[in-house]
Amino acid sequence: MSAYFAEHALLPNGWAQNVLLTVDSCGDFASVTADSPPDGATPLPGFLVPGMPNVHSHAFQRSLAGRAERAGPRADSFWTWREAMYAEVERIEPDAFEALAAGAYAAMLEAGYTSVCEFHYVHRAPGGAAYARPSELADRIVAAARATGIGLTLLPVLYRHADFGALPLGERQARFALSLDEYAALQDALHASYAGDPQVTLGAAPHSLRAVTRDEFRELERLVHARVPAAPLHVHVSEQQREVEACVGAFGTTPIAVLADTVALDERWCLVHATHATDAELALIANAGTVAGLCPTTEANLGDGIFPAARFAAAGGRFGIGSDSNVTIDVAEELRWLEYVQRLTLQQRNVMRDVTTPSVGRFLFDAALRGGARASGRRSGALAVGYRADAVALALPGDARGAGDELLDIAIFRSGAWRVRDVLAGGRVVVRDGRHARLPQRA
């Protein structure tokens, strides 16, 4: 059993001093005791907070970060960016795929994410041929997570069609294609390899209503439920206005309404983006306990639009944050952008808060922890007994004044103040003095 000591820590009932934390052999907190002597425990200097779950990542897209920012001959959009992404993915072989994932995951840990939901849809070799081992690239994702120490929720993606109306996949989408039988076999192979691994949680992801028919949604839900009834389920939905308009043309109503009429939306589901949700859909998601997976920096980079987070939170909605395309890997920046775009939309300040939590930083942080833990299907997001031992020790500039929530506000909203010193993931120190312990070279 390992032990750690923090002079200041954010516990479920608030900020505490002189906290001794012990970790069991499974990587969970065995005890969390405030007002305790260090007793020789490993010190975690600064102030300690729970590690943040990253609810949405495409690790391979890290290779495109910063390389798609040149204007084309016509107006650029998500759809023109997607063509650049298709060209990028065509050249990535398995070794590079694993290296990109490991580099992205190391960067996530250094940023304060301690787990990641990997929305994994590259299944085949360049050109569309099957690998000898169908789980080849999924196994590479797991290998990258193990090499870095990050907790992994692996979400194999079913991607069947190019658009509404079950249009056939294009040539550049050939690496994503799986039949339902192939998808079921992939799930079986992953469960045979990783079920019971405390570092790996297995879920599933129908890519979108564009890429999966309603009947295929139902079949995916059935086959996943038969294996693990509570497995997390993620889906892209209502990200782009064009997508919403096409859905209305195909079904007569908006995507989230179609989804709710197709499957049983509940706490298992994470709706990624949901940018253009209607008020009725926001209420539906909130009432179902479904998590909205928000990726503010990617949504800004791609010109998606602004999710009405303030209205959603006021209705009791749960949300988590994700790095998505990994053009930005920064916990504080995701939270800051989430608040700032609400301010710009509403022309108000200090929007994301409630009567019990006037600190905007604390409100955002706590909400993203709760929603992220639910979306990842992991018992995480708290420094408490029985929870995964994921924690981040933050340091602040020497001139920062305050305590508790004031420090968290500074860390999130003051440029450069989110300074990760040490990171525990599954009870192991994977970042020390701001640098990943095992992978100094990152993609």
Protein backbone atom coordinates (compact mmCIF):
# COMPACT_ATOMS: atom_id res chain seq x y z
CA MET A 1 0.00 0.00 0.00
CA SER A 2 1.38 3.41 -0.98
CA ALA A 3 0.75 6.67 0.86
CA TYR A 4 0.76 10.34 -0.17
CA PHE A 5 0.47 13.58 1.77
CA ALA A 6 -0.97 16.95 0.70
CA GLU A 7 -1.01 20.09 2.82
CA HIS A 8 -4.13 21.32 1.00
CA ALA A 9 -6.66 19.10 -0.80
CA LEU A 10 -10.16 19.36 -2.26
CA LEU A 11 -12.25 16.61 -0.63
CA PRO A 12 -15.94 15.90 -1.33
CA ASN A 13 -17.00 18.01 1.68
CA GLY A 14 -14.67 20.89 0.83
CA TRP A 15 -11.09 22.01 1.26
CA ALA A 16 -9.04 20.25 3.93
CA GLN A 17 -5.57 20.57 5.39
CA ASN A 18 -2.82 18.01 5.99
CA VAL A 19 -4.46 15.15 4.13
CA LEU A 20 -2.99 11.66 4.19
CA LEU A 21 -4.11 9.41 1.33
CA THR A 22 -3.37 5.70 1.03
CA VAL A 23 -3.81 3.61 -2.11
CA ASP A 24 -4.60 -0.10 -2.26
CA SER A 25 -3.19 -2.69 -4.64
CA CYS A 26 -6.05 -2.11 -7.11
CA GLY A 27 -5.18 1.59 -7.49
CA ASP A 28 -8.10 2.93 -5.44
CA PHE A 29 -8.03 5.17 -2.39
CA ALA A 30 -8.03 3.01 0.74
CA SER A 31 -8.15 5.94 3.17
CA VAL A 32 -8.33 9.73 3.02
CA THR A 33 -7.65 11.42 6.35
CA ALA A 34 -7.53 15.16 7.01
CA ASP A 35 -5.59 16.82 9.84
CA SER A 36 -3.09 13.99 9.80
CA PRO A 37 0.70 13.90 10.20
CA PRO A 38 2.65 12.89 7.06
CA ASP A 39 3.86 9.63 8.63
CA GLY A 40 6.57 9.31 5.99
CA ALA A 41 4.14 9.49 3.05
CA THR A 42 5.30 10.79 -0.33
CA PRO A 43 4.64 14.54 -0.40
CA LEU A 44 2.49 16.10 -3.13
CA PRO A 45 3.40 19.80 -2.89
CA GLY A 46 0.93 22.54 -3.82
CA PHE A 47 -2.78 21.90 -3.56
CA LEU A 48 -4.35 18.60 -4.51
CA VAL A 49 -7.50 18.19 -6.61
CA PRO A 50 -9.16 15.17 -8.22
CA GLY A 51 -7.88 14.25 -11.67
CA MET A 52 -10.10 15.41 -14.53
CA PRO A 53 -11.69 12.86 -16.90
CA ASN A 54 -11.34 13.68 -20.60
CA VAL A 55 -14.69 12.65 -22.07
CA HIS A 56 -13.82 12.78 -25.77
CA SER A 57 -10.60 12.17 -27.69
CA HIS A 58 -9.49 11.13 -31.15
CA ALA A 59 -5.82 10.59 -30.29
CA PHE A 60 -4.59 10.19 -33.87
CA GLN A 61 -5.86 13.67 -34.76
CA ARG A 62 -3.04 15.11 -32.63
CA SER A 63 -0.88 14.75 -35.75
CA LEU A 64 -3.05 17.37 -37.50
CA ALA A 65 -3.01 19.91 -34.64
CA GLY A 66 -1.90 23.30 -35.94
CA ARG A 67 -1.54 21.98 -39.51
CA ALA A 68 -5.03 22.80 -40.76
CA GLU A 69 -4.99 26.55 -40.18
CA ARG A 70 -4.38 27.79 -43.74
CA ALA A 71 -7.37 29.17 -45.62
CA GLY A 72 -8.52 27.32 -48.69
CA PRO A 73 -9.91 28.73 -51.95
CA ARG A 74 -13.47 28.62 -50.56
CA ALA A 75 -15.02 29.20 -47.18
CA ASP A 76 -13.56 26.76 -44.67
CA SER A 77 -15.72 24.76 -42.26
CA PHE A 78 -15.86 21.54 -40.31
CA TRP A 79 -16.50 19.77 -43.60
CA THR A 80 -13.34 21.08 -45.30
CA TRP A 81 -11.34 20.25 -42.15
CA ARG A 82 -12.76 16.73 -42.32
CA GLU A 83 -11.21 16.23 -45.75
CA ALA A 84 -7.80 17.18 -44.32
CA MET A 85 -8.36 14.72 -41.49
CA TYR A 86 -9.24 11.95 -43.94
CA ALA A 87 -6.01 12.59 -45.85
CA GLU A 88 -4.04 12.52 -42.59
CA VAL A 89 -5.48 9.27 -41.30
CA GLU A 90 -4.77 7.46 -44.56
CA ARG A 91 -1.02 7.59 -43.95
CA ILE A 92 -0.90 6.50 -40.30
CA GLU A 93 0.41 2.96 -39.76
CA PRO A 94 0.01 1.05 -36.45
CA ASP A 95 3.36 2.04 -34.91
CA ALA A 96 2.71 5.71 -35.62
CA PHE A 97 -0.86 5.32 -34.41
CA GLU A 98 0.37 4.03 -31.05
CA ALA A 99 3.07 6.69 -30.80
CA LEU A 100 0.57 9.48 -31.49
CA ALA A 101 -1.77 8.10 -28.83
CA ALA A 102 1.05 7.78 -26.28
CA GLY A 103 2.20 11.33 -26.97
CA ALA A 104 -1.32 12.69 -26.64
CA TYR A 105 -1.95 10.74 -23.44
CA ALA A 106 1.31 11.92 -21.88
CA ALA A 107 0.33 15.50 -22.71
CA MET A 108 -3.10 14.92 -21.16
CA LEU A 109 -1.55 13.70 -17.93
CA GLU A 110 0.77 16.69 -17.83
CA ALA A 111 -2.30 18.90 -18.29
CA GLY A 112 -4.21 17.28 -15.39
CA TYR A 113 -6.41 14.78 -17.21
CA THR A 114 -6.06 11.40 -15.51
CA SER A 115 -8.40 9.37 -17.71
CA VAL A 116 -9.60 9.57 -21.30
CA CYS A 117 -12.59 8.33 -23.29
CA GLU A 118 -11.08 7.33 -26.62
CA PHE A 119 -13.68 7.51 -29.40
CA HIS A 120 -11.88 4.98 -31.59
CA TYR A 121 -13.05 4.63 -35.18
CA VAL A 122 -9.94 3.72 -37.20
CA HIS A 123 -10.20 -0.06 -37.49
CA ARG A 124 -8.67 -1.05 -40.83
CA ALA A 125 -5.37 -0.66 -42.66
CA PRO A 126 -4.82 2.15 -45.20
CA GLY A 127 -6.99 1.40 -48.20
CA GLY A 128 -9.53 -0.48 -46.10
CA ALA A 129 -8.01 -3.95 -45.80
CA ALA A 130 -8.58 -5.79 -42.54
CA TYR A 131 -5.67 -6.36 -40.20
CA ALA A 132 -4.78 -9.97 -39.39
CA ARG A 133 -5.85 -9.16 -35.85
CA PRO A 134 -9.06 -7.08 -36.13
CA SER A 135 -8.34 -5.42 -32.77
CA GLU A 136 -4.88 -4.25 -33.96
CA LEU A 137 -5.43 -0.51 -33.58
CA ALA A 138 -7.63 -0.81 -30.50
CA ASP A 139 -4.83 -2.82 -28.90
CA ARG A 140 -2.43 -0.01 -29.81
CA ILE A 141 -4.65 2.45 -27.93
CA VAL A 142 -4.54 0.21 -24.85
CA ALA A 143 -0.76 -0.14 -25.18
CA ALA A 144 -0.41 3.66 -25.28
CA ALA A 145 -2.59 4.02 -22.20
CA ARG A 146 -0.56 1.40 -20.34
CA ALA A 147 2.72 3.02 -21.34
CA THR A 148 1.63 6.41 -20.03
CA GLY A 149 -0.51 5.31 -17.08
CA ILE A 150 -3.68 7.16 -18.08
CA GLY A 151 -7.03 5.55 -17.28
CA LEU A 152 -8.79 4.48 -20.47
CA THR A 153 -12.42 4.19 -21.44
CA LEU A 154 -12.16 2.54 -24.84
CA LEU A 155 -15.12 3.24 -27.11
CA PRO A 156 -14.93 1.20 -30.33
CA VAL A 157 -16.97 3.05 -32.93
CA LEU A 158 -19.51 1.63 -35.35
CA TYR A 159 -19.22 3.68 -38.55
CA ARG A 160 -21.32 2.24 -41.38
CA HIS A 161 -22.50 5.01 -43.71
CA ALA A 162 -21.42 8.31 -45.24
CA ASP A 163 -24.60 10.26 -44.52
CA PHE A 164 -28.31 10.11 -43.76
CA GLY A 165 -30.14 7.64 -45.96
CA ALA A 166 -27.52 4.90 -45.40
CA LEU A 167 -25.28 6.25 -48.17
CA PRO A 168 -22.23 4.04 -48.79
CA LEU A 169 -18.93 5.06 -47.25
CA GLY A 170 -16.53 6.98 -49.45
CA GLU A 171 -13.06 5.75 -50.36
CA ARG A 172 -11.47 7.96 -47.68
CA GLN A 173 -13.72 6.43 -45.00
CA ALA A 174 -12.69 2.86 -45.77
CA ARG A 175 -10.52 2.55 -42.65
CA PHE A 176 -13.57 3.12 -40.44
CA ALA A 177 -15.88 0.45 -41.87
CA LEU A 178 -17.15 -2.51 -39.87
CA SER A 179 -20.23 -4.64 -40.39
CA LEU A 180 -22.37 -5.33 -37.35
CA ASP A 181 -20.95 -8.86 -37.19
CA GLU A 182 -17.39 -7.51 -37.35
CA TYR A 183 -18.23 -4.97 -34.69
CA ALA A 184 -19.63 -7.65 -32.38
CA ALA A 185 -16.48 -9.75 -32.94
CA LEU A 186 -14.31 -6.72 -32.08
CA GLN A 187 -16.23 -6.20 -28.86
CA ASP A 188 -15.82 -9.86 -27.98
CA ALA A 189 -12.06 -9.72 -28.63
CA LEU A 190 -11.63 -6.61 -26.48
CA HIS A 191 -13.66 -8.07 -23.62
CA ALA A 192 -11.60 -11.27 -23.79
CA SER A 193 -8.39 -9.23 -23.54
CA TYR A 194 -9.27 -6.43 -21.12
CA ALA A 195 -12.33 -7.25 -19.03
CA GLY A 196 -11.34 -6.92 -15.39
CA ASP A 197 -8.36 -4.66 -16.11
CA PRO A 198 -8.68 -1.79 -13.61
CA GLN A 199 -7.05 0.62 -16.05
CA VAL A 200 -9.43 -0.14 -18.93
CA THR A 201 -13.19 0.37 -19.12
CA LEU A 202 -14.94 -0.87 -22.26
CA GLY A 203 -17.90 0.90 -23.83
CA ALA A 204 -19.26 1.53 -27.30
CA ALA A 205 -20.00 4.34 -29.71
CA PRO A 206 -22.31 4.53 -32.70
CA HIS A 207 -20.51 7.31 -34.57
CA SER A 208 -23.54 9.48 -35.37
CA LEU A 209 -26.99 9.40 -36.89
CA ARG A 210 -25.28 10.15 -40.20
CA ALA A 211 -23.11 7.04 -39.97
CA VAL A 212 -25.43 4.55 -38.25
CA THR A 213 -29.06 3.83 -39.08
CA ARG A 214 -31.72 3.71 -36.37
CA ASP A 215 -31.97 -0.08 -36.66
CA GLU A 216 -28.18 -0.33 -36.30
CA PHE A 217 -28.32 1.92 -33.22
CA ARG A 218 -30.79 -0.47 -31.63
CA GLU A 219 -28.71 -3.52 -32.53
CA LEU A 220 -25.56 -1.93 -31.11
CA GLU A 221 -27.34 -1.06 -27.89
CA ARG A 222 -28.64 -4.64 -27.65
CA LEU A 223 -25.27 -6.32 -28.22
CA VAL A 224 -23.47 -4.00 -25.80
CA HIS A 225 -26.13 -4.40 -23.13
CA ALA A 226 -25.85 -8.19 -23.42
CA ARG A 227 -22.15 -7.97 -22.55
CA VAL A 228 -22.07 -5.19 -19.95
CA PRO A 229 -25.46 -3.63 -19.12
CA ALA A 230 -23.95 -0.44 -17.66
CA ALA A 231 -21.29 0.09 -20.35
CA PRO A 232 -20.85 3.75 -21.35
CA LEU A 233 -22.30 4.72 -24.74
CA HIS A 234 -21.12 7.81 -26.61
CA VAL A 235 -22.30 9.41 -29.86
CA HIS A 236 -21.60 12.54 -31.90
CA VAL A 237 -24.82 14.51 -32.29
CA SER A 238 -25.98 17.97 -33.42
CA GLU A 239 -22.42 19.24 -33.85
CA GLN A 240 -22.99 21.13 -37.10
CA GLN A 241 -25.96 23.13 -38.35
CA ARG A 242 -25.76 21.35 -41.70
CA GLU A 243 -26.11 18.03 -39.88
CA VAL A 244 -29.24 19.28 -38.08
CA GLU A 245 -30.81 20.49 -41.31
CA ALA A 246 -30.06 17.18 -43.06
CA CYS A 247 -31.57 15.25 -40.16
CA VAL A 248 -34.75 17.32 -40.29
CA GLY A 249 -34.91 16.60 -44.01
CA ALA A 250 -34.48 12.87 -43.45
CA PHE A 251 -36.65 12.37 -40.34
CA GLY A 252 -38.76 15.48 -39.97
CA THR A 253 -37.17 16.45 -36.64
CA THR A 254 -33.85 17.28 -35.01
CA PRO A 255 -31.07 14.76 -34.18
CA ILE A 256 -31.44 14.47 -30.42
CA ALA A 257 -35.19 14.01 -30.77
CA VAL A 258 -34.55 11.23 -33.30
CA LEU A 259 -31.98 9.65 -31.00
CA ALA A 260 -34.36 9.72 -28.03
CA ASP A 261 -36.99 7.99 -30.16
CA THR A 262 -34.48 5.34 -31.21
CA VAL A 263 -32.70 4.27 -28.00
CA ALA A 264 -33.27 4.66 -24.27
CA LEU A 265 -31.30 7.77 -23.38
CA ASP A 266 -30.17 7.48 -19.77
CA GLU A 267 -27.09 7.79 -17.57
CA ARG A 268 -25.09 5.44 -19.80
CA TRP A 269 -25.11 7.90 -22.69
CA CYS A 270 -22.79 10.81 -23.45
CA LEU A 271 -23.95 13.08 -26.27
CA VAL A 272 -20.77 14.59 -27.69
CA HIS A 273 -21.11 18.26 -28.69
CA ALA A 274 -24.94 18.56 -28.81
CA THR A 275 -24.08 22.10 -29.92
CA HIS A 276 -27.37 22.89 -31.63
CA ALA A 277 -29.74 21.22 -29.15
CA THR A 278 -33.14 22.85 -28.87
CA ASP A 279 -34.57 23.91 -25.52
CA ALA A 280 -36.82 20.84 -25.53
CA GLU A 281 -33.82 18.61 -26.23
CA LEU A 282 -31.80 20.25 -23.44
CA ALA A 283 -34.60 19.43 -21.01
CA LEU A 284 -34.80 15.87 -22.34
CA ILE A 285 -31.06 15.29 -21.85
CA ALA A 286 -31.08 16.83 -18.38
CA ASN A 287 -34.08 14.79 -17.24
CA ALA A 288 -32.54 11.57 -18.57
CA GLY A 289 -29.29 12.10 -16.64
CA THR A 290 -27.42 11.92 -19.93
CA VAL A 291 -24.07 13.73 -20.08
CA ALA A 292 -23.26 16.40 -22.64
CA GLY A 293 -19.66 15.93 -23.77
CA LEU A 294 -18.41 19.46 -24.44
CA CYS A 295 -15.15 20.21 -26.25
CA PRO A 296 -14.98 24.02 -26.35
CA THR A 297 -11.54 24.46 -27.93
CA THR A 298 -12.20 21.95 -30.73
CA GLU A 299 -15.72 23.31 -31.27
CA ALA A 300 -14.19 26.77 -31.62
CA ASN A 301 -11.40 25.52 -33.88
CA LEU A 302 -13.92 23.83 -36.19
CA GLY A 303 -16.47 26.66 -36.11
CA ASP A 304 -19.19 24.39 -34.75
CA GLY A 305 -21.12 26.94 -32.69
CA ILE A 306 -21.77 27.46 -28.98
CA PHE A 307 -23.55 24.98 -26.73
CA PRO A 308 -26.02 26.76 -24.38
CA ALA A 309 -24.22 25.50 -21.28
CA ALA A 310 -25.70 28.06 -18.89
CA ARG A 311 -29.28 27.05 -19.71
CA PHE A 312 -28.37 23.38 -19.60
CA ALA A 313 -26.68 23.64 -16.21
CA ALA A 314 -29.58 25.66 -14.81
CA ALA A 315 -31.90 22.83 -15.86
CA GLY A 316 -29.79 20.34 -13.89
CA GLY A 317 -27.88 19.06 -16.91
CA ARG A 318 -24.59 17.23 -16.47
CA PHE A 319 -21.57 17.89 -18.66
CA GLY A 320 -17.96 16.83 -19.03
CA ILE A 321 -15.07 18.28 -21.02
CA GLY A 322 -12.97 16.71 -23.74
CA SER A 323 -9.99 17.54 -25.90
CA ASP A 324 -11.54 15.93 -29.03
CA SER A 325 -9.20 16.73 -31.96
CA ASN A 326 -6.39 17.41 -29.45
CA VAL A 327 -5.47 20.67 -31.10
CA THR A 328 -5.50 21.88 -27.47
CA ILE A 329 -4.77 19.67 -24.46
CA ASP A 330 -5.37 21.90 -21.45
CA VAL A 331 -7.92 21.38 -18.67
CA ALA A 332 -8.01 25.04 -17.64
CA GLU A 333 -8.41 26.27 -21.20
CA GLU A 334 -11.41 23.99 -21.85
CA LEU A 335 -13.10 25.21 -18.66
CA ARG A 336 -12.21 28.85 -19.34
CA TRP A 337 -13.53 28.70 -22.91
CA LEU A 338 -16.71 27.03 -21.69
CA GLU A 339 -17.37 30.03 -19.43
CA TYR A 340 -16.15 32.72 -21.78
CA VAL A 341 -18.32 31.75 -24.75
CA GLN A 342 -21.35 31.90 -22.44
CA ARG A 343 -20.27 35.42 -21.41
CA LEU A 344 -19.94 36.46 -25.04
CA THR A 345 -23.33 35.02 -25.95
CA LEU A 346 -25.20 36.45 -22.93
CA GLN A 347 -23.08 39.60 -22.49
CA GLN A 348 -22.78 38.82 -18.79
CA ARG A 349 -19.99 37.85 -16.39
CA ASN A 350 -19.66 34.90 -14.00
CA VAL A 351 -22.32 32.87 -15.75
CA MET A 352 -21.57 29.26 -14.78
CA ARG A 353 -22.35 29.14 -11.05
CA ASP A 354 -25.23 28.56 -8.67
CA VAL A 355 -26.37 29.92 -5.32
CA THR A 356 -24.34 27.36 -3.37
CA THR A 357 -21.19 27.72 -5.51
CA PRO A 358 -20.52 31.37 -6.40
CA SER A 359 -16.96 30.51 -7.46
CA VAL A 360 -17.12 30.01 -11.23
CA GLY A 361 -13.91 27.99 -11.26
CA ARG A 362 -15.15 25.63 -8.56
CA PHE A 363 -18.56 25.23 -10.20
CA LEU A 364 -17.01 24.38 -13.57
CA PHE A 365 -14.43 22.04 -12.05
CA ASP A 366 -16.89 20.13 -9.88
CA ALA A 367 -19.46 19.83 -12.67
CA ALA A 368 -16.88 18.56 -15.17
CA LEU A 369 -15.62 16.02 -12.62
CA ARG A 370 -19.12 14.66 -11.98
CA GLY A 371 -20.16 14.54 -15.60
CA GLY A 372 -16.80 13.19 -16.72
CA ALA A 373 -16.86 10.36 -14.21
CA ARG A 374 -20.35 9.36 -15.32
CA ALA A 375 -19.46 9.50 -19.02
CA SER A 376 -16.29 7.45 -18.52
CA GLY A 377 -18.04 4.72 -16.57
CA ARG A 378 -15.33 4.93 -13.93
CA ARG A 379 -15.56 5.50 -10.17
CA SER A 380 -13.43 8.62 -10.26
CA GLY A 381 -13.60 12.35 -9.77
CA ALA A 382 -13.23 12.49 -5.96
CA LEU A 383 -10.50 12.15 -3.37
CA ALA A 384 -12.49 9.61 -1.38
CA VAL A 385 -12.31 5.99 -0.23
CA GLY A 386 -13.18 3.53 -2.97
CA TYR A 387 -12.59 5.98 -5.79
CA ARG A 388 -9.85 5.56 -8.36
CA ALA A 389 -6.68 7.16 -7.00
CA ASP A 390 -6.49 9.90 -9.62
CA ALA A 391 -5.22 13.23 -8.31
CA VAL A 392 -3.40 16.34 -9.52
CA ALA A 393 -1.12 18.52 -7.41
CA LEU A 394 -1.25 22.12 -8.66
CA ALA A 395 1.25 24.87 -7.96
CA LEU A 396 0.45 28.56 -8.22
CA PRO A 397 2.65 31.58 -8.88
CA GLY A 398 4.26 32.85 -5.70
CA ASP A 399 2.32 36.12 -5.82
CA ALA A 400 -1.09 34.40 -5.88
CA ARG A 401 -3.11 35.14 -2.78
CA GLY A 402 -6.14 33.39 -1.34
CA ALA A 403 -7.17 29.91 -0.37
CA GLY A 404 -9.49 27.15 -1.50
CA ASP A 405 -11.90 28.22 -4.23
CA GLU A 406 -10.00 31.48 -4.76
CA LEU A 407 -6.93 29.47 -5.71
CA LEU A 408 -8.98 27.33 -8.08
CA ASP A 409 -10.40 30.46 -9.74
CA ILE A 410 -6.86 31.79 -10.19
CA ALA A 411 -5.64 28.47 -11.56
CA ILE A 412 -8.40 28.35 -14.19
CA PHE A 413 -8.78 31.99 -15.18
CA ARG A 414 -5.33 33.53 -14.77
CA SER A 415 -3.23 32.88 -17.86
CA GLY A 416 -0.48 30.38 -17.16
CA ALA A 417 -1.58 29.73 -13.58
CA TRP A 418 -2.78 26.14 -14.15
CA ARG A 419 0.57 24.57 -13.31
CA VAL A 420 0.52 20.81 -12.85
CA ARG A 421 3.32 19.62 -10.56
CA ASP A 422 2.57 15.96 -9.84
CA VAL A 423 -0.09 13.55 -11.06
CA LEU A 424 -1.37 10.30 -9.62
CA ALA A 425 -3.18 7.99 -12.04
CA GLY A 426 -4.44 4.76 -10.53
CA GLY A 427 -2.32 5.48 -7.47
CA ARG A 428 0.97 5.76 -9.37
CA VAL A 429 2.97 8.94 -9.86
CA VAL A 430 3.05 9.43 -13.63
CA VAL A 431 3.96 13.13 -13.72
CA ARG A 432 6.61 14.60 -11.44
CA ASP A 433 7.56 18.28 -11.43
CA GLY A 434 5.39 18.87 -14.49
CA ARG A 435 6.97 16.25 -16.74
CA HIS A 436 5.74 12.82 -17.66
CA ALA A 437 7.91 10.25 -15.92
CA ARG A 438 8.16 7.77 -18.76
CA LEU A 439 7.70 9.51 -22.11
CA PRO A 440 9.89 12.63 -22.38
CA GLN A 441 9.39 12.75 -26.17
CA ARG A 442 5.82 13.53 -27.21
CA ALA A 443 4.11 13.81 -30.59
